[in-house]
Amino acid sequence: MGIFSRWFGSKYNDAQLASQATSALAADPLISDPSALVVTSKNGVITLSGIVHKRQDKERIEGVVRSALTTVGLKHERIINELKLPHSDG
């Protein structure tokens, strides 16, 4: 795929993916501090990072991002959830 991506560019709009995901998180009233979350996208792979206070928050955030991208029809490769709990031992 390397040669093709050089000729034709990425088939993903990483800036738009990250922007849409960030906007969806900011708009969700159940996410207590969306500014503490970092959303990046490279070649359609979205990475979520930051600190969350409950395991349910981690799952919810990923779901909100997935739903937002699907709703507006933005293609992405996958979502990597690297959100951490503050006092995790591993």
C-alpha atoms as a PDB file:
ATOM      1  CA  MET A   1       0.000   0.000   0.000  1.00  0.00           C
ATOM      2  CA  GLY A   2       2.981   2.339   0.487  1.00  0.00           C
ATOM      3  CA  ILE A   3       3.490   3.040  -3.211  1.00  0.00           C
ATOM      4  CA  PHE A   4      -0.223   3.519  -3.809  1.00  0.00           C
ATOM      5  CA  SER A   5      -0.600   5.909  -0.901  1.00  0.00           C
ATOM      6  CA  ARG A   6       2.294   7.977  -2.276  1.00  0.00           C
ATOM      7  CA  TRP A   7       0.594   8.206  -5.658  1.00  0.00           C
ATOM      8  CA  PHE A   8      -2.974   8.654  -4.547  1.00  0.00           C
ATOM      9  CA  GLY A   9      -2.685   9.970  -0.986  1.00  0.00           C
ATOM     10  CA  SER A  10      -4.387   8.488   2.027  1.00  0.00           C
ATOM     11  CA  LYS A  11      -7.963   7.343   1.573  1.00  0.00           C
ATOM     12  CA  TYR A  12      -8.713   8.760   5.020  1.00  0.00           C
ATOM     13  CA  ASN A  13      -9.103  12.389   6.046  1.00  0.00           C
ATOM     14  CA  ASP A  14      -7.254  12.219   9.367  1.00  0.00           C
ATOM     15  CA  ALA A  15      -7.884  15.858  10.312  1.00  0.00           C
ATOM     16  CA  GLN A  16     -11.615  15.414   9.739  1.00  0.00           C
ATOM     17  CA  LEU A  17     -11.683  12.123  11.660  1.00  0.00           C
ATOM     18  CA  ALA A  18      -9.966  13.646  14.701  1.00  0.00           C
ATOM     19  CA  SER A  19     -12.111  16.782  14.534  1.00  0.00           C
ATOM     20  CA  GLN A  20     -15.376  14.849  14.302  1.00  0.00           C
ATOM     21  CA  ALA A  21     -14.379  12.565  17.178  1.00  0.00           C
ATOM     22  CA  THR A  22     -13.333  15.506  19.372  1.00  0.00           C
ATOM     23  CA  SER A  23     -16.567  17.381  18.646  1.00  0.00           C
ATOM     24  CA  ALA A  24     -18.671  14.329  19.492  1.00  0.00           C
ATOM     25  CA  LEU A  25     -16.875  13.898  22.823  1.00  0.00           C
ATOM     26  CA  ALA A  26     -17.328  17.574  23.696  1.00  0.00           C
ATOM     27  CA  ALA A  27     -21.046  17.362  22.905  1.00  0.00           C
ATOM     28  CA  ASP A  28     -21.706  14.299  25.080  1.00  0.00           C
ATOM     29  CA  PRO A  29     -23.072  15.395  28.478  1.00  0.00           C
ATOM     30  CA  LEU A  30     -22.006  12.127  30.151  1.00  0.00           C
ATOM     31  CA  ILE A  31     -18.314  12.722  29.476  1.00  0.00           C
ATOM     32  CA  SER A  32     -17.157  14.766  32.438  1.00  0.00           C
ATOM     33  CA  ASP A  33     -13.927  16.287  31.089  1.00  0.00           C
ATOM     34  CA  PRO A  34     -13.561  15.935  27.314  1.00  0.00           C
ATOM     35  CA  SER A  35     -10.665  18.425  27.305  1.00  0.00           C
ATOM     36  CA  ALA A  36      -8.562  15.830  29.162  1.00  0.00           C
ATOM     37  CA  LEU A  37      -8.873  13.426  26.229  1.00  0.00           C
ATOM     38  CA  VAL A  38      -6.537  13.325  23.249  1.00  0.00           C
ATOM     39  CA  VAL A  39      -7.769  12.122  19.868  1.00  0.00           C
ATOM     40  CA  THR A  40      -5.325  11.554  17.020  1.00  0.00           C
ATOM     41  CA  SER A  41      -5.695   9.930  13.623  1.00  0.00           C
ATOM     42  CA  LYS A  42      -3.060   8.576  11.261  1.00  0.00           C
ATOM     43  CA  ASN A  43      -3.940   6.691   8.093  1.00  0.00           C
ATOM     44  CA  GLY A  44      -7.457   6.187   9.391  1.00  0.00           C
ATOM     45  CA  VAL A  45      -6.342   4.680  12.715  1.00  0.00           C
ATOM     46  CA  ILE A  46      -7.819   6.745  15.521  1.00  0.00           C
ATOM     47  CA  THR A  47      -6.081   6.684  18.891  1.00  0.00           C
ATOM     48  CA  LEU A  48      -7.857   7.750  22.074  1.00  0.00           C
ATOM     49  CA  SER A  49      -5.660   8.631  25.038  1.00  0.00           C
ATOM     50  CA  GLY A  50      -5.946  10.361  28.372  1.00  0.00           C
ATOM     51  CA  ILE A  51      -7.163   9.575  31.880  1.00  0.00           C
ATOM     52  CA  VAL A  52     -10.693   8.452  32.696  1.00  0.00           C
ATOM     53  CA  HIS A  53     -12.066   7.782  36.160  1.00  0.00           C
ATOM     54  CA  LYS A  54     -14.248   4.740  35.479  1.00  0.00           C
ATOM     55  CA  ARG A  55     -13.964   1.740  33.180  1.00  0.00           C
ATOM     56  CA  GLN A  56     -17.445   2.580  31.880  1.00  0.00           C
ATOM     57  CA  ASP A  57     -16.140   5.983  30.735  1.00  0.00           C
ATOM     58  CA  LYS A  58     -13.453   4.264  28.684  1.00  0.00           C
ATOM     59  CA  GLU A  59     -16.039   2.134  26.902  1.00  0.00           C
ATOM     60  CA  ARG A  60     -18.477   5.018  26.470  1.00  0.00           C
ATOM     61  CA  ILE A  61     -15.870   7.297  24.908  1.00  0.00           C
ATOM     62  CA  GLU A  62     -14.918   4.694  22.328  1.00  0.00           C
ATOM     63  CA  GLY A  63     -18.593   4.100  21.553  1.00  0.00           C
ATOM     64  CA  VAL A  64     -19.321   7.818  21.157  1.00  0.00           C
ATOM     65  CA  VAL A  65     -16.443   8.200  18.702  1.00  0.00           C
ATOM     66  CA  ARG A  66     -17.410   5.098  16.707  1.00  0.00           C
ATOM     67  CA  SER A  67     -21.046   6.196  16.531  1.00  0.00           C
ATOM     68  CA  ALA A  68     -20.174   9.765  15.509  1.00  0.00           C
ATOM     69  CA  LEU A  69     -17.944   8.629  12.654  1.00  0.00           C
ATOM     70  CA  THR A  70     -20.502   6.103  11.427  1.00  0.00           C
ATOM     71  CA  THR A  71     -23.330   8.640  11.604  1.00  0.00           C
ATOM     72  CA  VAL A  72     -21.551  11.117   9.330  1.00  0.00           C
ATOM     73  CA  GLY A  73     -20.163   8.391   7.074  1.00  0.00           C
ATOM     74  CA  LEU A  74     -16.459   8.937   7.748  1.00  0.00           C
ATOM     75  CA  LYS A  75     -14.410   5.849   6.934  1.00  0.00           C
ATOM     76  CA  HIS A  76     -11.750   4.826   9.395  1.00  0.00           C
ATOM     77  CA  GLU A  77      -9.493   1.817   9.744  1.00  0.00           C
ATOM     78  CA  ARG A  78      -9.931   1.192  13.477  1.00  0.00           C
ATOM     79  CA  ILE A  79      -9.992   2.798  16.907  1.00  0.00           C
ATOM     80  CA  ILE A  80      -7.220   2.167  19.423  1.00  0.00           C
ATOM     81  CA  ASN A  81      -8.411   2.816  22.952  1.00  0.00           C
ATOM     82  CA  GLU A  82      -5.427   3.786  25.107  1.00  0.00           C
ATOM     83  CA  LEU A  83      -7.495   5.516  27.795  1.00  0.00           C
ATOM     84  CA  LYS A  84      -6.175   4.776  31.280  1.00  0.00           C
ATOM     85  CA  LEU A  85      -7.644   4.670  34.749  1.00  0.00           C
ATOM     86  CA  PRO A  86      -5.756   6.940  37.201  1.00  0.00           C
ATOM     87  CA  HIS A  87      -4.601   4.262  39.644  1.00  0.00           C
ATOM     88  CA  SER A  88      -4.232   1.213  37.422  1.00  0.00           C
ATOM     89  CA  ASP A  89      -1.470  -1.199  38.378  1.00  0.00           C
ATOM     90  CA  GLY A  90      -0.800  -2.411  34.881  1.00  0.00           C
END
